[in-house]
Amino acid sequence: MAQGNVIIRFEDVKFGYSSDKLILDEANFSVREDAKLTLMGQNGAGKSTIFKLITGELKSDKGIVHLLPNISIATAKQVMAREHLTENVREYFTHAFEETPRNLDKKITDVLSVVNLLAPLDKAIGEFSGGQQARLLLAFALIQEPDILLLDEPTNNLDSDGIDHLTAFLIMYPKTVLVISHDADFLNCFTEGVLHLDVYTGKVDKYEGNYTDVVEDIAARVERDRAKNAQLLKTIQDRKDKVNFFAHKGGKMRKLASKLKDEVAEAEENMVDVRRDDRTIGDFKIPAQEFPFPILKLTEIKVILNHEPHIAQIDLTLRKKNHLLIAGPNGIGKSTLLRTLASGESEGAVITDEVKVGYYKQDFSGLDFEQTAYESLASMMDVPDNEEIRRTGAKFLLNGDVLATKVGALSEGQKGLLCYARFVLQKPGLLIMDEPTNHINFRHIPVIAKALNDYDGCLIVVSHAQDFVREIRFDEKLDLATLIK
């Protein structure tokens, strides 16, 4: 392929999952080979849909998706498919090839080193942590050596070492990369432009520059357009008032009224179609269950070191208003600890009876995907209240159409916001948060950090998003890496 060829081109592409709700409406954009671009847009706008149109998993309703002939495409997906969880590493990677290569083990070992993961090839996928599964998903795409690499939230669940390793690899990767991510620092390190999908118009605009610059440019453009429209509206109203006054006069006054009508029409034509910027959720509060007794007592924790479990003895009691941060590298057992706490299966942890537990699972497997979003919210209330359910959903941008949608059909970002809406209705005494910024639009993250910081119940957090963690008050920090000598 010649350097600089257009490798992807969307020509008047129209697509929607239903006839009355278009994701793309005559969208036009192009991507040149070797480009490294961010695909940006509001949660639920259809970013993952664009990836599926590129791979051919979906077909456009109208228009054409052009790809250079004979190019290969691989996608690093957000979440490991459940059918792979029982496979071992070797079996999982065979799906990356039409014919299994003779040197498969060496290829797997080499690509795992690229994503900084040491793993036995006979270990089951389901036994890996969320961060380790994120690396496997990335390695699965990389082992195919694609001409176009599509990354869907690749830093979710990755610790800082994993993100640094991925960033260095992408900077050196000699082919085309399109990435969906809300991690501004990560994106600024290697992307050179942004494709912005407008959720309201279904159009895609292309911007040059790093992610932060583009976000600021879009916000500035919105304000300029609003200011221009405000001035035009003032002019239009002034002219209309004069038209009404002069129209009833005779002779020259009537001619003046006709001229003013023309000016009104011209001003209305010049009104700018203002881009409605990504909406941000407003401030919210997660009410805490009133509970006067100790909420949780920890006496031992299982820590994973070199794929082997070790038991560490501790003595930690948590009460109302206590905030605990759990730290440690990928694979050490953080998510396993949270899962056993939430399920009550841990022998070394006792949650006091009658404490209501809210649990944010990084893969959303705690949600019932067959329920509608409305039913999911209603299940959090002892006596469902329609008005409160809809009011709470609206706070998290879950409107009537979204509430009527099955949870499994929501975008990953919408599932995340649904979890927070559920907590508001649940009023838990203990909140267990496993990577609570996963899939969340960066605009919402400061609002969520404030809500967790102000939460009056007992809070336990695992998060690799350092900027987010710094915004929350923590009384205790438990680093699992320090528990095993």
Protein backbone atom coordinates (compact mmCIF):
# COMPACT_ATOMS: atom_id res chain seq x y z
CA MET A 1 0.00 0.00 0.00
CA ALA A 2 1.29 3.45 -0.87
CA GLN A 3 2.06 5.74 2.05
CA GLY A 4 -0.79 8.08 2.86
CA ASN A 5 -3.60 6.30 1.01
CA VAL A 6 -7.10 6.73 2.38
CA ILE A 7 -7.69 3.39 4.09
CA ILE A 8 -11.25 4.03 5.41
CA ARG A 9 -13.88 6.29 3.87
CA PHE A 10 -17.51 6.70 4.94
CA GLU A 11 -19.59 8.14 2.09
CA ASP A 12 -23.08 9.40 3.02
CA VAL A 13 -23.47 6.53 5.47
CA LYS A 14 -26.82 6.20 7.17
CA PHE A 15 -27.41 3.64 9.92
CA GLY A 16 -29.88 3.12 12.75
CA TYR A 17 -31.01 0.23 14.90
CA SER A 18 -34.55 1.46 14.30
CA SER A 19 -36.07 3.66 11.60
CA ASP A 20 -36.85 6.48 14.01
CA LYS A 21 -33.44 6.65 15.70
CA LEU A 22 -30.43 7.10 13.43
CA ILE A 23 -26.89 6.63 14.74
CA LEU A 24 -25.35 7.97 11.54
CA ASP A 25 -27.16 10.32 9.15
CA GLU A 26 -25.29 10.74 5.84
CA ALA A 27 -21.95 10.69 7.69
CA ASN A 28 -18.82 11.48 5.68
CA PHE A 29 -15.22 11.12 6.86
CA SER A 30 -11.97 9.48 5.86
CA VAL A 31 -8.92 8.00 7.59
CA ARG A 32 -5.50 7.72 5.99
CA GLU A 33 -3.23 4.76 6.57
CA ASP A 34 -0.86 4.97 9.53
CA ALA A 35 -3.11 7.58 11.19
CA LYS A 36 -3.73 7.37 14.93
CA LEU A 37 -7.12 8.90 15.75
CA THR A 38 -9.53 9.08 18.67
CA LEU A 39 -13.21 8.34 18.04
CA MET A 40 -15.07 10.69 20.38
CA GLY A 41 -18.74 11.10 21.27
CA GLN A 42 -21.27 10.98 24.08
CA ASN A 43 -22.08 7.68 25.83
CA GLY A 44 -24.53 5.86 23.59
CA ALA A 45 -23.75 8.01 20.54
CA GLY A 46 -22.70 4.99 18.48
CA LYS A 47 -18.89 4.87 18.59
CA SER A 48 -18.77 1.09 18.88
CA THR A 49 -21.30 0.95 16.04
CA ILE A 50 -18.82 2.73 13.76
CA PHE A 51 -16.25 0.05 14.61
CA LYS A 52 -18.76 -2.66 13.67
CA LEU A 53 -19.48 -0.91 10.35
CA ILE A 54 -15.74 -0.85 9.62
CA THR A 55 -15.32 -4.55 10.40
CA GLY A 56 -18.43 -5.49 8.42
CA GLU A 57 -20.22 -6.88 11.48
CA LEU A 58 -22.95 -4.33 10.63
CA LYS A 59 -24.04 -3.06 7.21
CA SER A 60 -25.08 0.53 6.49
CA ASP A 61 -28.72 1.26 5.65
CA LYS A 62 -27.59 3.71 2.96
CA GLY A 63 -24.26 5.00 1.70
CA ILE A 64 -20.99 3.10 1.41
CA VAL A 65 -18.15 2.19 3.77
CA HIS A 66 -15.05 2.04 1.54
CA LEU A 67 -11.97 0.08 2.67
CA LEU A 68 -8.75 -0.41 0.77
CA PRO A 69 -8.69 -3.88 -0.80
CA ASN A 70 -7.04 -6.78 1.04
CA ILE A 71 -6.56 -4.95 4.34
CA SER A 72 -6.82 -6.77 7.65
CA ILE A 73 -8.75 -5.44 10.66
CA ALA A 74 -8.67 -6.48 14.31
CA THR A 75 -10.62 -5.14 17.26
CA ALA A 76 -9.56 -5.14 20.91
CA LYS A 77 -13.00 -5.32 22.52
CA GLN A 78 -14.06 -3.82 25.85
CA VAL A 79 -15.15 -7.01 27.59
CA MET A 80 -14.16 -10.65 27.28
CA ALA A 81 -16.99 -12.67 25.72
CA ARG A 82 -18.44 -15.09 28.20
CA GLU A 83 -18.00 -18.09 25.90
CA HIS A 84 -14.22 -17.65 26.16
CA LEU A 85 -14.06 -17.70 29.96
CA THR A 86 -13.84 -21.48 30.17
CA GLU A 87 -11.14 -21.72 27.48
CA ASN A 88 -7.45 -21.67 28.35
CA VAL A 89 -5.08 -19.07 26.89
CA ARG A 90 -3.92 -21.31 24.05
CA GLU A 91 -7.48 -22.23 23.03
CA TYR A 92 -8.54 -18.59 23.14
CA PHE A 93 -5.81 -17.44 20.76
CA THR A 94 -6.60 -20.10 18.18
CA HIS A 95 -9.69 -18.02 17.31
CA ALA A 96 -7.37 -15.31 15.94
CA PHE A 97 -6.35 -17.50 13.00
CA GLU A 98 -8.17 -19.22 10.16
CA GLU A 99 -5.56 -21.99 10.38
CA THR A 100 -3.67 -22.60 13.62
CA PRO A 101 0.03 -21.82 13.04
CA ARG A 102 2.66 -24.40 14.02
CA ASN A 103 4.48 -21.89 16.21
CA LEU A 104 1.32 -20.77 18.03
CA ASP A 105 2.85 -21.01 21.52
CA LYS A 106 5.77 -18.78 20.54
CA LYS A 107 3.44 -16.25 18.89
CA ILE A 108 1.30 -16.13 22.03
CA THR A 109 4.31 -15.75 24.33
CA ASP A 110 5.73 -12.97 22.14
CA VAL A 111 2.49 -10.99 22.02
CA LEU A 112 1.88 -11.41 25.75
CA SER A 113 5.29 -9.83 26.36
CA VAL A 114 4.14 -6.85 24.28
CA VAL A 115 1.20 -6.30 26.65
CA ASN A 116 3.42 -7.00 29.68
CA LEU A 117 1.63 -10.16 30.81
CA LEU A 118 3.25 -13.40 31.97
CA ALA A 119 0.65 -16.14 31.87
CA PRO A 120 0.57 -19.97 31.69
CA LEU A 121 -0.92 -20.99 28.35
CA ASP A 122 -3.08 -23.66 30.00
CA LYS A 123 -4.71 -21.24 32.49
CA ALA A 124 -8.45 -20.61 32.04
CA ILE A 125 -9.41 -17.11 30.82
CA GLY A 126 -11.99 -16.80 33.59
CA GLU A 127 -9.26 -17.12 36.22
CA PHE A 128 -7.57 -13.91 35.12
CA SER A 129 -8.35 -10.54 36.71
CA GLY A 130 -10.20 -7.83 34.79
CA GLY A 131 -6.92 -6.03 34.10
CA GLN A 132 -5.29 -9.22 32.85
CA GLN A 133 -8.29 -9.95 30.63
CA ALA A 134 -7.96 -6.43 29.18
CA ARG A 135 -4.37 -7.31 28.22
CA LEU A 136 -5.49 -10.60 26.68
CA LEU A 137 -8.11 -8.79 24.60
CA LEU A 138 -5.45 -6.40 23.35
CA ALA A 139 -2.98 -9.20 22.66
CA PHE A 140 -5.67 -11.08 20.72
CA ALA A 141 -5.96 -8.12 18.34
CA LEU A 142 -2.21 -7.56 18.10
CA ILE A 143 -1.34 -11.18 17.30
CA GLN A 144 -3.24 -10.73 14.04
CA GLU A 145 -0.85 -7.90 12.99
CA PRO A 146 -3.73 -5.94 11.43
CA ASP A 147 -3.52 -3.02 9.00
CA ILE A 148 -6.28 -1.35 11.03
CA LEU A 149 -6.25 -1.74 14.81
CA LEU A 150 -9.52 -0.80 16.55
CA LEU A 151 -9.24 -0.26 20.32
CA ASP A 152 -12.42 0.02 22.39
CA GLU A 153 -11.63 1.46 25.85
CA PRO A 154 -8.23 -0.32 26.01
CA THR A 155 -7.12 1.23 29.32
CA ASN A 156 -10.13 0.01 31.31
CA ASN A 157 -8.84 -2.15 34.19
CA LEU A 158 -5.19 -1.57 33.25
CA ASP A 159 -2.82 -0.49 36.02
CA SER A 160 -0.32 2.32 35.40
CA ASP A 161 2.40 -0.07 34.19
CA GLY A 162 -0.02 -1.62 31.74
CA ILE A 163 -1.08 1.78 30.39
CA ASP A 164 2.55 2.90 30.02
CA HIS A 165 3.41 -0.30 28.16
CA LEU A 166 0.41 0.06 25.83
CA THR A 167 1.17 3.72 25.15
CA ALA A 168 4.78 2.97 24.20
CA PHE A 169 3.64 0.20 21.87
CA LEU A 170 1.04 2.38 20.12
CA ILE A 171 3.51 5.22 19.60
CA MET A 172 5.73 2.81 17.66
CA TYR A 173 2.93 0.86 15.93
CA PRO A 174 3.45 1.47 12.17
CA LYS A 175 -0.16 1.02 11.05
CA THR A 176 -3.58 2.64 11.46
CA VAL A 177 -5.09 2.91 14.94
CA LEU A 178 -8.59 4.09 15.88
CA VAL A 179 -9.27 4.22 19.60
CA ILE A 180 -12.35 4.82 21.73
CA SER A 181 -11.28 6.04 25.17
CA HIS A 182 -12.10 8.65 27.79
CA ASP A 183 -8.57 8.65 29.22
CA ALA A 184 -7.32 12.08 28.12
CA ASP A 185 -3.72 11.60 29.29
CA PHE A 186 -3.46 8.29 27.41
CA LEU A 187 -4.97 9.74 24.22
CA ASN A 188 -2.80 12.85 24.26
CA CYS A 189 0.34 10.69 24.24
CA PHE A 190 -0.13 9.13 20.81
CA THR A 191 -3.24 10.30 18.91
CA GLU A 192 -2.97 13.04 16.30
CA GLY A 193 -6.60 13.89 15.68
CA VAL A 194 -10.22 13.23 16.60
CA LEU A 195 -13.28 11.93 14.79
CA HIS A 196 -16.22 13.45 16.67
CA LEU A 197 -19.58 11.72 16.39
CA ASP A 198 -22.43 14.11 17.21
CA VAL A 199 -25.17 12.13 18.96
CA TYR A 200 -27.82 14.67 17.91
CA THR A 201 -27.05 15.05 14.19
CA GLY A 202 -25.49 11.68 13.36
CA LYS A 203 -22.61 13.49 11.61
CA VAL A 204 -18.88 12.91 12.07
CA ASP A 205 -16.41 15.80 12.06
CA LYS A 206 -12.65 15.42 11.86
CA TYR A 207 -10.28 17.58 13.93
CA GLU A 208 -6.49 17.82 13.95
CA GLY A 209 -4.60 18.02 17.23
CA ASN A 210 -4.53 16.18 20.54
CA TYR A 211 -7.63 15.13 22.42
CA THR A 212 -7.65 17.89 25.04
CA ASP A 213 -7.20 20.61 22.40
CA VAL A 214 -10.09 19.24 20.34
CA VAL A 215 -12.41 19.03 23.37
CA GLU A 216 -11.64 22.66 24.16
CA ASP A 217 -12.06 23.67 20.50
CA ILE A 218 -15.50 22.04 20.31
CA ALA A 219 -16.61 23.76 23.52
CA ALA A 220 -15.35 27.13 22.24
CA ARG A 221 -17.14 26.65 18.91
CA VAL A 222 -20.40 25.90 20.72
CA GLU A 223 -20.11 29.13 22.73
CA ARG A 224 -19.27 31.17 19.59
CA ASP A 225 -22.27 29.74 17.76
CA ARG A 226 -24.55 30.40 20.72
CA ALA A 227 -23.35 34.00 20.96
CA LYS A 228 -23.87 34.53 17.21
CA ASN A 229 -27.39 33.11 17.40
CA ALA A 230 -28.23 35.24 20.43
CA GLN A 231 -27.26 38.38 18.45
CA LEU A 232 -29.24 37.24 15.39
CA LEU A 233 -32.31 36.49 17.51
CA LYS A 234 -32.12 39.99 18.96
CA THR A 235 -31.93 41.43 15.43
CA ILE A 236 -34.82 39.24 14.22
CA GLN A 237 -37.07 40.27 17.09
CA ASP A 238 -36.23 43.95 16.55
CA ARG A 239 -37.08 43.71 12.84
CA LYS A 240 -40.32 41.79 13.52
CA ASP A 241 -41.45 44.44 15.98
CA LYS A 242 -40.84 47.14 13.36
CA VAL A 243 -42.58 45.11 10.65
CA ASN A 244 -45.66 44.86 12.84
CA PHE A 245 -45.55 48.60 13.47
CA PHE A 246 -44.95 49.75 9.86
CA ALA A 247 -47.16 47.17 8.10
CA HIS A 248 -50.32 49.05 9.12
CA LYS A 249 -49.01 52.37 7.81
CA GLY A 250 -49.45 53.50 4.26
CA GLY A 251 -47.11 54.23 1.32
CA LYS A 252 -43.38 54.22 2.05
CA MET A 253 -43.90 52.71 5.51
CA ARG A 254 -45.41 49.59 3.93
CA LYS A 255 -42.43 49.27 1.57
CA LEU A 256 -40.11 49.60 4.58
CA ALA A 257 -42.02 46.79 6.31
CA SER A 258 -41.52 44.59 3.23
CA LYS A 259 -37.79 45.31 3.25
CA LEU A 260 -37.59 44.50 6.96
CA LYS A 261 -39.34 41.16 6.30
CA ASP A 262 -36.57 40.30 3.84
CA GLU A 263 -33.98 41.15 6.50
CA VAL A 264 -35.75 38.86 8.98
CA ALA A 265 -35.70 35.99 6.46
CA GLU A 266 -31.99 36.55 5.79
CA ALA A 267 -31.18 36.65 9.51
CA GLU A 268 -33.12 33.42 10.08
CA GLU A 269 -31.16 31.74 7.27
CA ASN A 270 -27.92 32.81 8.95
CA MET A 271 -28.85 31.17 12.24
CA VAL A 272 -26.16 28.65 13.07
CA ASP A 273 -27.09 25.03 13.68
CA VAL A 274 -25.49 24.99 17.12
CA ARG A 275 -23.75 21.75 18.02
CA ARG A 276 -25.26 20.52 21.25
CA ASP A 277 -22.20 19.61 23.24
CA ASP A 278 -22.05 16.35 25.21
CA ARG A 279 -24.34 16.69 28.19
CA THR A 280 -22.87 16.15 31.60
CA ILE A 281 -24.79 14.62 34.47
CA GLY A 282 -25.59 17.08 37.24
CA ASP A 283 -24.41 16.81 40.82
CA PHE A 284 -26.07 13.94 42.64
CA LYS A 285 -26.04 12.38 46.10
CA ILE A 286 -26.04 8.70 46.97
CA PRO A 287 -28.08 8.50 50.18
CA ALA A 288 -26.52 6.25 52.83
CA GLN A 289 -28.39 3.71 54.90
CA GLU A 290 -28.46 4.78 58.53
CA PHE A 291 -26.39 2.19 60.39
CA PRO A 292 -24.91 2.79 63.87
CA PHE A 293 -22.86 -0.43 64.15
CA PRO A 294 -19.57 -1.53 62.48
CA ILE A 295 -20.36 -2.40 58.87
CA LEU A 296 -17.46 -4.67 57.89
CA LYS A 297 -14.66 -6.52 59.66
CA LEU A 298 -11.68 -7.94 57.69
CA THR A 299 -9.36 -10.50 59.32
CA GLU A 300 -7.72 -12.19 56.31
CA ILE A 301 -7.31 -11.61 52.59
CA LYS A 302 -6.31 -13.90 49.73
CA VAL A 303 -3.52 -12.40 47.62
CA ILE A 304 -2.39 -13.84 44.26
CA LEU A 305 1.37 -13.86 43.64
CA ASN A 306 2.84 -15.52 40.52
CA HIS A 307 -0.57 -17.12 39.91
CA GLU A 308 -0.50 -18.76 43.37
CA PRO A 309 -2.86 -17.82 46.25
CA HIS A 310 -1.49 -16.67 49.63
CA ILE A 311 -3.45 -15.81 52.77
CA ALA A 312 -2.56 -12.56 54.57
CA GLN A 313 -3.78 -11.82 58.10
CA ILE A 314 -5.09 -8.30 58.78
CA ASP A 315 -7.25 -6.51 61.33
CA LEU A 316 -9.49 -3.86 59.81
CA THR A 317 -12.93 -2.66 60.95
CA LEU A 318 -14.94 -0.24 58.79
CA ARG A 319 -17.84 1.89 59.95
CA LYS A 320 -20.17 4.52 58.52
CA LYS A 321 -18.24 7.30 56.72
CA ASN A 322 -15.06 5.17 56.43
CA HIS A 323 -13.55 5.24 52.93
CA LEU A 324 -11.06 2.48 51.99
CA LEU A 325 -8.85 2.42 48.87
CA ILE A 326 -7.55 -1.01 47.81
CA ALA A 327 -4.41 -0.89 45.64
CA GLY A 328 -2.05 -3.31 43.93
CA PRO A 329 -0.97 -4.41 40.43
CA ASN A 330 -3.17 -6.28 37.96
CA GLY A 331 -3.70 -9.91 38.92
CA ILE A 332 -2.99 -9.61 42.63
CA GLY A 333 -6.61 -10.27 43.60
CA LYS A 334 -8.33 -6.91 44.04
CA SER A 335 -11.46 -7.74 42.04
CA THR A 336 -11.62 -11.20 43.59
CA LEU A 337 -11.56 -9.60 47.04
CA LEU A 338 -14.39 -7.21 46.15
CA ARG A 339 -16.46 -10.01 44.60
CA THR A 340 -16.14 -12.23 47.68
CA LEU A 341 -16.96 -9.28 49.95
CA ALA A 342 -20.11 -8.44 48.01
CA SER A 343 -21.25 -12.06 47.86
CA GLY A 344 -20.51 -12.82 51.52
CA GLU A 345 -18.31 -15.76 50.48
CA SER A 346 -15.10 -14.56 52.16
CA GLU A 347 -14.25 -16.41 55.38
CA GLY A 348 -12.07 -13.52 56.48
CA ALA A 349 -14.75 -10.85 56.06
CA VAL A 350 -17.97 -10.29 57.93
CA ILE A 351 -20.58 -7.78 56.78
CA THR A 352 -23.02 -6.98 59.57
CA ASP A 353 -26.55 -8.27 59.03
CA GLU A 354 -29.08 -5.93 57.41
CA VAL A 355 -26.40 -3.80 55.71
CA LYS A 356 -27.48 -3.03 52.13
CA VAL A 357 -24.56 -3.52 49.74
CA GLY A 358 -24.18 -1.59 46.48
CA TYR A 359 -21.66 -3.22 44.12
CA TYR A 360 -20.23 -1.71 40.91
CA LYS A 361 -18.79 -4.63 38.94
CA GLN A 362 -16.29 -3.63 36.29
CA ASP A 363 -17.95 -5.89 33.68
CA PHE A 364 -21.56 -5.08 34.73
CA SER A 365 -22.27 -8.80 35.21
CA GLY A 366 -24.28 -7.90 38.33
CA LEU A 367 -26.98 -6.37 36.11
CA ASP A 368 -29.83 -8.42 34.66
CA PHE A 369 -29.39 -7.89 30.90
CA GLU A 370 -32.93 -9.10 30.18
CA GLN A 371 -34.56 -6.41 32.30
CA THR A 372 -35.37 -3.00 30.84
CA ALA A 373 -33.45 -0.11 32.37
CA TYR A 374 -36.72 0.94 34.06
CA GLU A 375 -37.16 -2.52 35.60
CA SER A 376 -33.53 -2.49 36.74
CA LEU A 377 -34.11 0.77 38.60
CA ALA A 378 -37.44 -0.38 40.01
CA SER A 379 -35.77 -3.48 41.48
CA MET A 380 -33.75 -1.22 43.78
CA MET A 381 -36.87 0.05 45.59
CA ASP A 382 -38.95 -1.76 48.20
CA VAL A 383 -42.01 -0.04 46.76
CA PRO A 384 -41.31 1.16 43.17
CA ASP A 385 -42.34 4.76 42.57
CA ASN A 386 -42.74 5.62 38.88
CA GLU A 387 -42.14 9.33 39.31
CA GLU A 388 -38.98 8.84 41.38
CA ILE A 389 -37.64 6.20 38.99
CA ARG A 390 -38.06 8.47 35.96
CA ARG A 391 -36.73 11.52 37.78
CA THR A 392 -33.64 9.59 38.92
CA GLY A 393 -33.10 8.09 35.47
CA ALA A 394 -33.25 11.54 33.88
CA LYS A 395 -30.49 12.77 36.22
CA PHE A 396 -28.23 10.18 34.61
CA LEU A 397 -29.33 10.92 31.02
CA LEU A 398 -31.53 7.82 30.99
CA ASN A 399 -34.67 9.20 29.34
CA GLY A 400 -37.90 7.46 28.38
CA ASP A 401 -36.52 5.67 25.31
CA VAL A 402 -33.44 4.46 27.21
CA LEU A 403 -35.53 3.33 30.20
CA ALA A 404 -37.61 1.18 27.85
CA THR A 405 -34.47 -0.46 26.43
CA LYS A 406 -33.14 -3.79 27.69
CA VAL A 407 -30.01 -3.42 29.80
CA GLY A 408 -28.09 -5.72 27.47
CA ALA A 409 -28.74 -3.35 24.54
CA LEU A 410 -27.44 -0.25 26.35
CA SER A 411 -23.96 1.09 25.59
CA GLU A 412 -21.30 0.30 28.17
CA GLY A 413 -21.35 3.96 29.25
CA GLN A 414 -25.12 3.88 29.76
CA LYS A 415 -24.78 0.70 31.84
CA GLY A 416 -22.31 2.54 34.05
CA LEU A 417 -24.68 5.48 34.55
CA LEU A 418 -27.51 3.00 35.23
CA CYS A 419 -25.45 1.56 38.10
CA TYR A 420 -25.15 4.99 39.73
CA ALA A 421 -28.87 5.63 39.31
CA ARG A 422 -29.51 2.27 41.02
CA PHE A 423 -27.33 3.29 43.99
CA VAL A 424 -29.31 6.51 44.41
CA LEU A 425 -32.53 4.50 44.69
CA GLN A 426 -31.00 1.67 46.74
CA LYS A 427 -29.53 3.88 49.51
CA PRO A 428 -26.80 1.36 50.48
CA GLY A 429 -24.85 1.24 53.74
CA LEU A 430 -21.79 -0.22 51.98
CA LEU A 431 -20.64 0.75 48.48
CA ILE A 432 -18.12 -1.57 46.79
CA MET A 433 -16.70 0.03 43.64
CA ASP A 434 -14.55 -1.99 41.20
CA GLU A 435 -13.09 0.43 38.61
CA PRO A 436 -16.05 2.85 38.88
CA THR A 437 -14.85 5.05 35.98
CA ASN A 438 -14.81 2.21 33.44
CA HIS A 439 -16.72 3.19 30.28
CA ILE A 440 -17.77 6.54 31.80
CA ASN A 441 -17.55 9.71 29.70
CA PHE A 442 -14.73 11.90 31.07
CA ARG A 443 -17.22 14.77 31.55
CA HIS A 444 -19.11 12.75 34.17
CA ILE A 445 -16.09 11.59 36.16
CA PRO A 446 -15.58 14.72 38.35
CA VAL A 447 -19.31 14.63 39.24
CA ILE A 448 -19.08 10.96 40.23
CA ALA A 449 -15.90 11.60 42.26
CA LYS A 450 -17.71 14.32 44.21
CA ALA A 451 -20.68 12.03 44.92
CA LEU A 452 -18.40 9.27 46.23
CA ASN A 453 -16.34 11.75 48.24
CA ASP A 454 -19.53 13.02 49.91
CA TYR A 455 -21.00 9.54 50.47
CA ASP A 456 -21.75 9.06 54.17
CA GLY A 457 -21.81 5.26 54.15
CA CYS A 458 -18.86 2.85 54.09
CA LEU A 459 -16.98 3.02 50.77
CA ILE A 460 -14.46 0.55 49.30
CA VAL A 461 -12.82 1.47 45.97
CA VAL A 462 -10.48 -0.19 43.50
CA SER A 463 -9.42 2.19 40.73
CA HIS A 464 -6.39 2.71 38.52
CA ALA A 465 -7.61 6.21 37.53
CA GLN A 466 -5.28 8.28 39.68
CA ASP A 467 -6.85 11.66 38.89
CA PHE A 468 -10.20 10.25 39.99
CA VAL A 469 -8.79 8.74 43.19
CA ARG A 470 -7.21 12.05 44.19
CA GLU A 471 -10.64 13.69 44.24
CA ILE A 472 -12.00 11.30 46.90
CA ARG A 473 -11.28 11.31 50.64
CA PHE A 474 -9.84 7.99 51.85
CA ASP A 475 -9.27 7.21 55.52
CA GLU A 476 -7.51 3.90 54.86
CA LYS A 477 -5.40 2.44 52.06
CA LEU A 478 -4.80 -1.30 51.73
CA ASP A 479 -2.01 -2.15 49.26
CA LEU A 480 -2.23 -5.90 48.62
CA ALA A 481 1.33 -5.98 47.30
CA THR A 482 2.64 -5.13 50.80
CA LEU A 483 0.77 -7.95 52.55
CA ILE A 484 3.01 -10.77 51.28
CA LYS A 485 6.62 -10.66 52.38
